[in-house]
Amino acid sequence: MDKQQTSDYTQPPAQVTLAQAFWYWLKLGFISFGGPAGQIAIMHQDLVEKKRWISERRFLHALNYCMVLPGPEAQQLAVYIGWLMHRTWGGIIAGTLFVLPSLFILILLSWIYLAYGNVPAVAGVLYGIKPAVTAIVLFAAYRIGSRALKHGVLWAIAAAAFLAIFAFNVPFPAIVIAAGLIGYFGGKVEPKKFSIGGGHGKAGDGFGAALIDDHTPSPEHARFSWARWLRVALAGGVIWATAMLLLVVQFGWQAVYTQMGWFFTKAALLTFGGAYAVLPYVYQGAVEHYHWLTPLQMMDGLALGETTPGPLIMVVAFVGFVGGWNQALFGPDALFLSAAIAATVVTFFTFLPSFIFIFLGGPLVESTHGDLKFTAPLTGITAAVVGVILNLALFFGYHVLWTEGFAGVFDWVSALIALAATIALFHYKRNVIEVIAVCAVLGLVIKTIL
C-alpha cells in the first residue's frame, strides 16, 4: 500500500510535501506513455484512486478546464494539480517534469536517428510499443467513459462526438463548443443528468476521502482576484518577451532560433484538440515554408513522438532538433549543439503558454466547481471527449495495423501485440508501464528474429 494511504479510508491521507510531489512528477515524466488519454488515465489511477491527493470530482473539473484550452491537456492538468497543492512552484515543477524527460529522450533518439540512421534495436522497440499505445488509448476511453457516461444523454453526446470527428472530420474546437452548449442548456432542463456524479469522496467514487476532497475549500492562493490575475498576466508576458528579445539580440529576427520561437508560439495557441489538430499547421510551416526538415523526417518524428513519454506535441522537439541539425547553425563540427539548442527553444515556446493559462484561469475554475451553470457544460464536454479518445484509438490502430493503408498488407504481428496488451490492461489489470516495457521487449525480439 502507498505510504500516503491510511487504513481508514474515511480519513484523508497525510499532507504531501513539495519534495514528495517532486519525485512523483519526475516519475510521471518517465512513464507518461499513451498520449493525453493514457497520461490522464495514469494520473487518475495514481492521484485519485491510489494516493487520494484529489477527489474524482475535483480532478474531472480541472480536466474539463484543460480540455478547452489550447495546448497539451494532460501536461496542463499536471500543472493545475501541482499548483493547487503547492502554489506556483508546485505547478512549475509538475509541468516542467512532465515534459523534461521526454525532451531529453527525444534529443537522444533524434541524434541516433540523424547520426546513425535506422538502428535495428530502436526500430524493434518502437515496433512493439506502437500496438501497446493503441491498447492504452482504448483502455483510457473505457476507464473515463465508464465513470463519466452515467446515462443515455451523455452516451449520446459521446457517440455524436465520435461520429462528428470520425466520419465528418469536424474540428475538435467545434465539438467542444457544441458539447458545452448541450451541457449548458441540458443543465437547465435536466440538472441531475448534467451534474458531476458523486457526493463526498468516500461515498461518491469509492476511493475514500481525498486530501483535496469534493468539499475541501480552495486554498488562499487558488482564490480569484483581479490584482493577482494582472500580476500573472504581466509576469507571463515579460517572460515570453524577454526570451524573444534575447534571441533577437543574439541572432537577429530572421535567424532560425528566433523564427522557431515565434512560429511555435503561434502553434501553441492553435493546439485546440491536441497535437493532431495542430500537426497540419506545424507540417505546413516547418516542412513547406521554412524547410527545416523533409516530409519523411516529419513522419518519422511523429512515430517517435507517439512512442516516447510526454505529450504527443513533443514531436515539435524533434522538428526543432532536425531543423537545428540541418541548418548547422554553429558549423559542421557542432551539429549536436545546434540541434539540442533548437529543440530546447522550440519546447520552451511551445509549453510556456500552458503554464500561463493555468496560473491565470485556475483560481476562476476553483471558484466554480460547485456551480451547476459552470459544471454542466463541462460535463457535456467530458462526454464528448470520450468519443474523441475512441476515435484516437482507431486512428492509432489503423496506422499501426495498416502501415501502407487498407490497400497494403495487414500487420498481424502488431495485431497480436495489441491484443495481448489489451488483455493485460482489461483482464489482468496490469499497469501502463509494465505493458509498455513488455511490448517493447517483444518488438525488439520479433524484429531481431525476423
Protein backbone atom coordinates (compact mmCIF):
# COMPACT_ATOMS: atom_id res chain seq x y z
CA MET A 1 0.00 0.00 0.00
CA ASP A 2 1.18 3.51 -0.76
CA LYS A 3 2.83 5.23 2.19
CA GLN A 4 0.43 8.11 1.89
CA GLN A 5 -2.62 5.89 2.16
CA THR A 6 -4.16 5.12 5.52
CA SER A 7 -6.02 2.05 6.65
CA ASP A 8 -9.07 4.23 7.37
CA TYR A 9 -10.48 5.38 4.03
CA THR A 10 -12.88 7.74 5.77
CA GLN A 11 -9.86 9.90 6.62
CA PRO A 12 -7.79 11.78 4.03
CA PRO A 13 -4.13 10.78 3.57
CA ALA A 14 -1.30 12.70 5.21
CA GLN A 15 -0.24 16.05 3.80
CA VAL A 16 2.10 15.80 0.82
CA THR A 17 5.34 17.79 0.90
CA LEU A 18 6.73 19.55 -2.17
CA ALA A 19 9.66 17.09 -2.12
CA GLN A 20 7.29 14.10 -2.22
CA ALA A 21 5.37 15.70 -5.05
CA PHE A 22 8.63 16.39 -6.91
CA TRP A 23 9.55 12.69 -7.01
CA TYR A 24 6.08 11.71 -8.17
CA TRP A 25 6.04 14.26 -11.02
CA LEU A 26 9.53 13.14 -12.05
CA LYS A 27 8.41 9.51 -12.19
CA LEU A 28 5.32 10.51 -14.16
CA GLY A 29 7.51 12.26 -16.73
CA PHE A 30 9.22 8.94 -17.47
CA ILE A 31 6.12 6.72 -17.58
CA SER A 32 3.55 9.02 -19.24
CA PHE A 33 3.08 6.98 -22.40
CA GLY A 34 -0.09 6.69 -24.43
CA GLY A 35 -0.71 10.29 -25.44
CA PRO A 36 -3.11 12.51 -23.48
CA ALA A 37 -5.64 9.74 -22.90
CA GLY A 38 -3.06 7.37 -21.47
CA GLN A 39 -1.43 10.11 -19.40
CA ILE A 40 -4.75 11.23 -17.92
CA ALA A 41 -5.57 7.61 -17.11
CA ILE A 42 -2.24 7.21 -15.29
CA MET A 43 -2.82 10.38 -13.26
CA HIS A 44 -6.36 9.33 -12.42
CA GLN A 45 -5.19 5.93 -11.24
CA ASP A 46 -2.34 7.40 -9.18
CA LEU A 47 -3.74 10.65 -7.80
CA VAL A 48 -7.44 9.79 -7.43
CA GLU A 49 -7.52 6.04 -6.81
CA LYS A 50 -4.22 5.18 -5.10
CA LYS A 51 -2.69 8.24 -3.47
CA ARG A 52 -6.00 10.11 -2.99
CA TRP A 53 -4.36 13.51 -3.39
CA ILE A 54 -7.51 14.83 -5.12
CA SER A 55 -11.10 13.63 -5.42
CA GLU A 56 -12.50 12.47 -8.73
CA ARG A 57 -14.94 15.37 -8.92
CA ARG A 58 -12.17 17.95 -8.46
CA PHE A 59 -9.92 16.00 -10.86
CA LEU A 60 -12.59 15.99 -13.60
CA HIS A 61 -13.42 19.65 -13.05
CA ALA A 62 -9.77 20.60 -13.56
CA LEU A 63 -9.51 18.25 -16.54
CA ASN A 64 -12.51 19.80 -18.24
CA TYR A 65 -10.92 23.24 -18.00
CA CYS A 66 -7.71 21.91 -19.51
CA MET A 67 -9.69 20.29 -22.31
CA VAL A 68 -10.99 23.63 -23.57
CA LEU A 69 -7.58 25.32 -23.51
CA PRO A 70 -5.12 25.33 -26.38
CA GLY A 71 -2.15 23.14 -25.54
CA PRO A 72 -1.50 19.64 -24.16
CA GLU A 73 -4.30 18.95 -21.69
CA ALA A 74 -2.51 16.21 -19.74
CA GLN A 75 0.50 18.44 -19.06
CA GLN A 76 -1.82 21.30 -18.12
CA LEU A 77 -3.69 19.01 -15.74
CA ALA A 78 -0.38 18.18 -14.04
CA VAL A 79 0.38 21.91 -13.75
CA TYR A 80 -3.10 22.52 -12.30
CA ILE A 81 -2.87 19.80 -9.64
CA GLY A 82 0.71 20.75 -8.76
CA TRP A 83 -0.34 24.41 -8.44
CA LEU A 84 -3.42 23.57 -6.38
CA MET A 85 -1.36 21.53 -3.94
CA HIS A 86 1.85 23.58 -3.71
CA ARG A 87 1.23 27.02 -5.20
CA THR A 88 3.10 28.39 -8.23
CA TRP A 89 6.31 26.42 -7.68
CA GLY A 90 4.28 23.23 -7.40
CA GLY A 91 2.73 23.93 -10.80
CA ILE A 92 6.07 24.83 -12.38
CA ILE A 93 7.70 21.65 -11.04
CA ALA A 94 4.81 19.41 -12.12
CA GLY A 95 4.57 20.86 -15.62
CA THR A 96 8.31 21.00 -16.24
CA LEU A 97 8.99 17.45 -15.07
CA PHE A 98 6.09 16.25 -17.21
CA VAL A 99 7.99 17.48 -20.27
CA LEU A 100 11.69 17.37 -19.37
CA PRO A 101 12.30 13.57 -19.56
CA SER A 102 10.57 13.50 -22.93
CA LEU A 103 12.78 16.35 -24.19
CA PHE A 104 15.97 14.53 -23.15
CA ILE A 105 14.77 11.22 -24.61
CA LEU A 106 13.75 12.84 -27.91
CA ILE A 107 17.06 14.69 -28.17
CA LEU A 108 18.85 11.35 -27.70
CA LEU A 109 16.63 9.46 -30.16
CA SER A 110 16.77 12.30 -32.69
CA TRP A 111 20.57 12.27 -32.51
CA ILE A 112 20.64 8.49 -33.06
CA TYR A 113 18.16 8.89 -35.92
CA LEU A 114 20.26 11.54 -37.69
CA ALA A 115 23.73 10.24 -36.88
CA TYR A 116 23.22 6.51 -37.32
CA GLY A 117 20.13 6.11 -39.49
CA ASN A 118 17.73 3.26 -38.86
CA VAL A 119 19.16 1.45 -35.85
CA PRO A 120 17.55 -2.03 -35.69
CA ALA A 121 17.28 -2.02 -31.90
CA VAL A 122 15.42 1.30 -31.87
CA ALA A 123 13.17 0.19 -34.73
CA GLY A 124 12.35 -3.01 -32.86
CA VAL A 125 11.45 -1.24 -29.63
CA LEU A 126 9.22 1.23 -31.48
CA TYR A 127 7.59 -1.64 -33.37
CA GLY A 128 6.49 -3.23 -30.12
CA ILE A 129 5.39 -0.04 -28.39
CA LYS A 130 3.08 1.23 -31.15
CA PRO A 131 0.44 -1.53 -30.75
CA ALA A 132 0.66 -1.11 -26.96
CA VAL A 133 -0.12 2.60 -27.33
CA THR A 134 -3.27 1.69 -29.27
CA ALA A 135 -4.41 -0.60 -26.46
CA ILE A 136 -3.60 2.02 -23.80
CA VAL A 137 -5.66 4.71 -25.52
CA LEU A 138 -8.59 2.27 -25.95
CA PHE A 139 -8.35 1.36 -22.26
CA ALA A 140 -8.32 5.04 -21.32
CA ALA A 141 -11.52 5.60 -23.31
CA TYR A 142 -13.11 2.73 -21.39
CA ARG A 143 -11.94 3.92 -17.98
CA ILE A 144 -13.01 7.53 -18.43
CA GLY A 145 -16.21 6.60 -20.25
CA SER A 146 -17.30 4.08 -17.62
CA ARG A 147 -17.17 6.80 -14.97
CA ALA A 148 -18.29 9.83 -16.99
CA LEU A 149 -21.17 8.38 -19.07
CA LYS A 150 -23.77 7.93 -16.37
CA HIS A 151 -26.90 7.88 -18.53
CA GLY A 152 -28.20 7.83 -22.09
CA VAL A 153 -27.88 11.54 -22.81
CA LEU A 154 -24.16 11.56 -22.08
CA TRP A 155 -23.72 8.35 -24.09
CA ALA A 156 -25.46 10.08 -26.99
CA ILE A 157 -23.12 13.07 -26.74
CA ALA A 158 -20.10 10.72 -26.76
CA ALA A 159 -21.45 8.85 -29.80
CA ALA A 160 -22.22 12.07 -31.65
CA ALA A 161 -18.73 13.41 -30.93
CA PHE A 162 -17.18 10.18 -32.23
CA LEU A 163 -19.21 10.31 -35.46
CA ALA A 164 -18.50 14.01 -35.91
CA ILE A 165 -14.74 13.62 -35.80
CA PHE A 166 -14.50 10.13 -37.35
CA ALA A 167 -16.97 10.40 -40.22
CA PHE A 168 -17.22 14.12 -40.87
CA ASN A 169 -13.80 15.40 -39.69
CA VAL A 170 -15.43 18.14 -37.59
CA PRO A 171 -12.76 20.28 -35.88
CA PHE A 172 -12.28 19.48 -32.20
CA PRO A 173 -13.00 23.07 -31.03
CA ALA A 174 -16.41 22.87 -32.74
CA ILE A 175 -17.14 19.60 -30.94
CA VAL A 176 -16.13 21.13 -27.60
CA ILE A 177 -18.33 24.20 -28.16
CA ALA A 178 -21.32 22.08 -29.22
CA ALA A 179 -20.95 19.73 -26.25
CA GLY A 180 -20.57 22.66 -23.87
CA LEU A 181 -23.76 24.26 -25.21
CA ILE A 182 -25.66 20.98 -24.89
CA GLY A 183 -24.41 20.70 -21.32
CA TYR A 184 -25.36 24.28 -20.52
CA PHE A 185 -28.93 24.02 -21.76
CA GLY A 186 -29.23 20.43 -20.55
CA GLY A 187 -28.26 21.60 -17.08
CA LYS A 188 -31.24 23.95 -17.11
CA VAL A 189 -33.71 21.33 -18.37
CA GLU A 190 -32.37 18.20 -16.60
CA PRO A 191 -29.92 19.41 -13.90
CA LYS A 192 -29.49 15.95 -12.33
CA LYS A 193 -28.25 14.47 -15.59
CA PHE A 194 -25.58 17.14 -16.05
CA SER A 195 -24.21 17.32 -12.52
CA ILE A 196 -20.82 15.73 -11.92
CA GLY A 197 -21.56 12.48 -10.11
CA GLY A 198 -20.85 11.62 -6.53
CA GLY A 199 -21.01 13.33 -3.21
CA HIS A 200 -18.23 13.15 -0.68
CA GLY A 201 -15.23 11.20 -1.89
CA LYS A 202 -15.80 8.06 0.15
CA ALA A 203 -19.42 7.87 -0.89
CA GLY A 204 -19.23 9.16 -4.44
CA ASP A 205 -16.29 7.47 -6.11
CA GLY A 206 -15.42 4.60 -3.79
CA PHE A 207 -11.77 5.58 -3.43
CA GLY A 208 -12.00 7.10 0.05
CA ALA A 209 -11.58 10.61 1.38
CA ALA A 210 -9.05 12.66 -0.59
CA LEU A 211 -6.54 15.25 0.51
CA ILE A 212 -8.34 17.75 -1.75
CA ASP A 213 -11.87 16.39 -1.44
CA ASP A 214 -15.12 17.49 -3.05
CA HIS A 215 -15.86 19.97 -0.29
CA THR A 216 -12.32 20.98 0.65
CA PRO A 217 -12.14 24.81 0.46
CA SER A 218 -9.79 26.18 -2.18
CA PRO A 219 -6.50 27.31 -0.60
CA GLU A 220 -5.76 31.01 -0.33
CA HIS A 221 -3.52 31.11 -3.42
CA ALA A 222 -6.30 29.50 -5.52
CA ARG A 223 -8.87 32.22 -4.83
CA PHE A 224 -9.54 34.62 -7.66
CA SER A 225 -8.63 38.28 -7.55
CA TRP A 226 -8.11 40.74 -10.39
CA ALA A 227 -4.86 42.00 -8.82
CA ARG A 228 -3.38 38.52 -8.85
CA TRP A 229 -4.69 37.88 -12.39
CA LEU A 230 -2.97 41.03 -13.67
CA ARG A 231 0.31 40.09 -11.91
CA VAL A 232 0.32 36.65 -13.52
CA ALA A 233 -0.55 38.05 -16.97
CA LEU A 234 2.24 40.62 -16.70
CA ALA A 235 4.78 38.06 -15.49
CA GLY A 236 3.90 35.66 -18.33
CA GLY A 237 4.16 38.41 -20.92
CA VAL A 238 7.51 39.58 -19.56
CA ILE A 239 8.97 36.06 -19.59
CA TRP A 240 7.92 35.48 -23.19
CA ALA A 241 9.08 38.93 -24.38
CA THR A 242 12.44 38.60 -22.59
CA ALA A 243 13.13 35.22 -24.19
CA MET A 244 12.24 36.54 -27.65
CA LEU A 245 14.31 39.68 -27.13
CA LEU A 246 17.35 37.62 -26.14
CA LEU A 247 17.05 35.61 -29.35
CA VAL A 248 16.64 38.74 -31.47
CA VAL A 249 19.63 40.47 -29.85
CA GLN A 250 21.85 37.39 -30.09
CA PHE A 251 20.88 36.08 -33.53
CA GLY A 252 18.59 38.61 -35.27
CA TRP A 253 14.89 38.41 -36.15
CA GLN A 254 15.33 36.31 -39.29
CA ALA A 255 17.60 33.75 -37.59
CA VAL A 256 16.39 30.15 -37.30
CA TYR A 257 16.16 30.16 -33.48
CA THR A 258 14.12 33.36 -33.42
CA GLN A 259 11.78 32.20 -36.16
CA MET A 260 11.33 28.89 -34.33
CA GLY A 261 10.39 30.76 -31.14
CA TRP A 262 7.87 32.90 -33.00
CA PHE A 263 6.41 30.07 -35.09
CA PHE A 264 5.94 27.67 -32.18
CA THR A 265 4.39 30.37 -30.00
CA LYS A 266 1.70 30.66 -32.67
CA ALA A 267 1.45 26.88 -32.91
CA ALA A 268 0.96 26.61 -29.13
CA LEU A 269 -2.03 28.93 -29.33
CA LEU A 270 -3.63 26.78 -32.04
CA THR A 271 -3.39 23.38 -30.36
CA PHE A 272 -7.09 23.06 -29.55
CA GLY A 273 -7.93 19.39 -29.57
CA GLY A 274 -4.44 18.08 -29.01
CA ALA A 275 -1.40 17.54 -31.14
CA TYR A 276 -3.17 16.06 -34.16
CA ALA A 277 -5.19 19.23 -34.56
CA VAL A 278 -2.07 21.36 -34.93
CA LEU A 279 0.20 18.94 -36.81
CA PRO A 280 -1.02 20.12 -40.24
CA TYR A 281 -0.05 23.68 -39.25
CA VAL A 282 3.36 22.52 -38.00
CA TYR A 283 3.88 20.48 -41.17
CA GLN A 284 2.97 23.40 -43.39
CA GLY A 285 5.32 25.78 -41.59
CA ALA A 286 8.28 23.57 -40.68
CA VAL A 287 8.38 21.49 -43.88
CA GLU A 288 6.88 23.58 -46.65
CA HIS A 289 7.61 27.17 -45.57
CA TYR A 290 10.84 27.08 -43.53
CA HIS A 291 12.23 23.78 -44.91
CA TRP A 292 13.62 22.83 -41.50
CA LEU A 293 13.07 19.15 -42.29
CA THR A 294 11.70 16.87 -45.03
CA PRO A 295 8.22 15.28 -45.17
CA LEU A 296 9.73 11.85 -44.44
CA GLN A 297 11.59 13.20 -41.43
CA MET A 298 8.35 14.76 -40.16
CA MET A 299 6.59 11.38 -40.32
CA ASP A 300 9.46 9.65 -38.53
CA GLY A 301 9.33 12.34 -35.86
CA LEU A 302 5.62 11.68 -35.34
CA ALA A 303 6.37 7.99 -34.80
CA LEU A 304 8.96 8.89 -32.16
CA GLY A 305 6.57 11.35 -30.53
CA GLU A 306 3.85 8.69 -30.32
CA THR A 307 6.09 6.19 -28.59
CA THR A 308 8.02 8.27 -26.07
CA PRO A 309 6.71 9.53 -22.73
CA GLY A 310 5.27 13.03 -22.52
CA PRO A 311 2.73 14.93 -24.63
CA LEU A 312 2.46 13.95 -28.29
CA ILE A 313 3.06 17.60 -29.18
CA MET A 314 6.64 16.92 -28.04
CA VAL A 315 7.14 15.95 -31.68
CA VAL A 316 7.99 19.66 -32.02
CA ALA A 317 11.24 18.95 -30.15
CA PHE A 318 12.16 16.52 -32.94
CA VAL A 319 11.24 19.17 -35.51
CA GLY A 320 13.47 21.68 -33.73
CA PHE A 321 16.34 19.22 -33.36
CA VAL A 322 16.31 18.19 -37.02
CA GLY A 323 15.94 21.82 -38.09
CA GLY A 324 18.91 22.90 -35.98
CA TRP A 325 20.96 19.96 -37.27
CA ASN A 326 20.13 20.60 -40.93
CA GLN A 327 20.84 24.33 -40.62
CA ALA A 328 24.24 23.68 -38.96
CA LEU A 329 23.90 26.95 -37.05
CA PHE A 330 27.29 26.62 -35.33
CA GLY A 331 29.12 24.96 -38.19
CA PRO A 332 29.52 21.32 -39.28
CA ASP A 333 31.57 20.40 -36.19
CA ALA A 334 28.83 21.39 -33.73
CA LEU A 335 25.71 19.84 -35.21
CA PHE A 336 24.52 18.31 -31.92
CA LEU A 337 24.85 21.61 -30.03
CA SER A 338 22.96 23.47 -32.74
CA ALA A 339 20.21 20.86 -32.77
CA ALA A 340 19.88 20.49 -28.98
CA ILE A 341 19.53 24.27 -28.50
CA ALA A 342 16.89 24.38 -31.25
CA ALA A 343 14.91 21.56 -29.59
CA THR A 344 15.08 23.38 -26.24
CA VAL A 345 13.99 26.71 -27.76
CA VAL A 346 11.04 25.06 -29.50
CA THR A 347 9.97 23.23 -26.33
CA PHE A 348 10.16 26.39 -24.21
CA PHE A 349 7.97 28.47 -26.53
CA THR A 350 5.51 25.62 -27.11
CA PHE A 351 4.82 24.99 -23.41
CA LEU A 352 5.15 28.45 -21.84
CA PRO A 353 1.54 29.38 -22.73
CA SER A 354 0.27 26.28 -20.91
CA PHE A 355 1.70 27.45 -17.59
CA ILE A 356 0.32 30.95 -18.09
CA PHE A 357 -3.18 29.65 -18.92
CA ILE A 358 -3.32 27.51 -15.77
CA PHE A 359 -1.98 30.18 -13.41
CA LEU A 360 -4.38 32.74 -14.94
CA GLY A 361 -7.52 30.62 -15.07
CA GLY A 362 -7.04 28.19 -12.18
CA PRO A 363 -8.47 30.48 -9.46
CA LEU A 364 -11.57 31.18 -11.56
CA VAL A 365 -12.06 27.45 -12.19
CA GLU A 366 -11.69 26.74 -8.46
CA SER A 367 -14.48 29.18 -7.73
CA THR A 368 -16.92 27.30 -9.99
CA HIS A 369 -16.53 23.62 -9.03
CA GLY A 370 -19.85 23.57 -7.17
CA ASP A 371 -21.82 25.78 -9.56
CA LEU A 372 -24.04 23.84 -11.97
CA LYS A 373 -24.14 26.56 -14.62
CA PHE A 374 -20.36 26.12 -14.95
CA THR A 375 -20.11 22.38 -14.31
CA ALA A 376 -22.96 21.29 -16.62
CA PRO A 377 -21.18 22.47 -19.82
CA LEU A 378 -18.02 20.73 -18.62
CA THR A 379 -19.95 17.52 -18.01
CA GLY A 380 -21.10 17.66 -21.63
CA ILE A 381 -17.53 18.25 -22.78
CA THR A 382 -16.27 15.27 -20.78
CA ALA A 383 -18.81 13.03 -22.53
CA ALA A 384 -17.71 14.34 -25.94
CA VAL A 385 -14.05 13.77 -25.10
CA VAL A 386 -14.77 10.05 -24.56
CA GLY A 387 -15.88 9.83 -28.19
CA VAL A 388 -12.82 11.76 -29.36
CA ILE A 389 -10.49 9.44 -27.40
CA LEU A 390 -12.14 6.41 -29.02
CA ASN A 391 -11.51 7.97 -32.43
CA LEU A 392 -7.86 8.47 -31.47
CA ALA A 393 -7.60 4.76 -30.58
CA LEU A 394 -8.96 3.81 -34.00
CA PHE A 395 -6.58 6.29 -35.66
CA PHE A 396 -3.61 4.67 -33.91
CA GLY A 397 -4.88 1.19 -34.72
CA TYR A 398 -5.27 1.95 -38.40
CA HIS A 399 -1.76 3.36 -38.75
CA VAL A 400 -0.23 0.51 -36.74
CA LEU A 401 -2.02 -2.39 -38.44
CA TRP A 402 -2.13 -1.00 -42.00
CA THR A 403 1.11 0.97 -42.32
CA GLU A 404 0.56 1.41 -46.07
CA GLY A 405 -3.21 1.97 -45.88
CA PHE A 406 -6.02 -0.57 -46.35
CA ALA A 407 -4.60 -1.44 -49.76
CA GLY A 408 -1.40 -2.63 -48.08
CA VAL A 409 -0.58 -5.71 -46.02
CA PHE A 410 -2.27 -6.25 -42.64
CA ASP A 411 0.37 -6.45 -39.89
CA TRP A 412 -0.86 -9.50 -37.97
CA VAL A 413 2.15 -9.47 -35.62
CA SER A 414 1.29 -5.94 -34.45
CA ALA A 415 -2.33 -7.05 -34.12
CA LEU A 416 -1.30 -9.88 -31.78
CA ILE A 417 0.82 -7.49 -29.69
CA ALA A 418 -2.12 -5.06 -29.48
CA LEU A 419 -4.45 -7.90 -28.46
CA ALA A 420 -2.03 -9.09 -25.77
CA ALA A 421 -1.69 -5.53 -24.43
CA THR A 422 -5.47 -5.11 -24.40
CA ILE A 423 -5.95 -8.35 -22.44
CA ALA A 424 -3.21 -7.34 -19.99
CA LEU A 425 -4.89 -3.99 -19.34
CA PHE A 426 -8.56 -5.03 -19.28
CA HIS A 427 -8.45 -8.53 -17.81
CA TYR A 428 -5.26 -8.73 -15.77
CA LYS A 429 -5.28 -5.05 -14.67
CA ARG A 430 -1.56 -4.59 -15.40
CA ASN A 431 -0.29 -1.03 -15.23
CA VAL A 432 0.74 1.00 -18.25
CA ILE A 433 4.50 0.96 -17.70
CA GLU A 434 4.53 -2.85 -17.41
CA VAL A 435 2.60 -3.19 -20.66
CA ILE A 436 4.87 -0.72 -22.45
CA ALA A 437 8.03 -2.49 -21.21
CA VAL A 438 6.89 -5.98 -22.18
CA CYS A 439 5.69 -4.87 -25.60
CA ALA A 440 8.98 -3.03 -26.23
CA VAL A 441 10.90 -6.24 -25.48
CA LEU A 442 8.54 -8.23 -27.71
CA GLY A 443 9.07 -5.81 -30.56
CA LEU A 444 12.84 -5.98 -30.17
CA VAL A 445 12.82 -9.80 -30.14
CA ILE A 446 10.47 -10.06 -33.12
CA LYS A 447 12.47 -7.61 -35.23
CA THR A 448 15.70 -9.42 -34.29
CA ILE A 449 14.26 -12.78 -35.36
CA LEU A 450 12.52 -11.50 -38.47
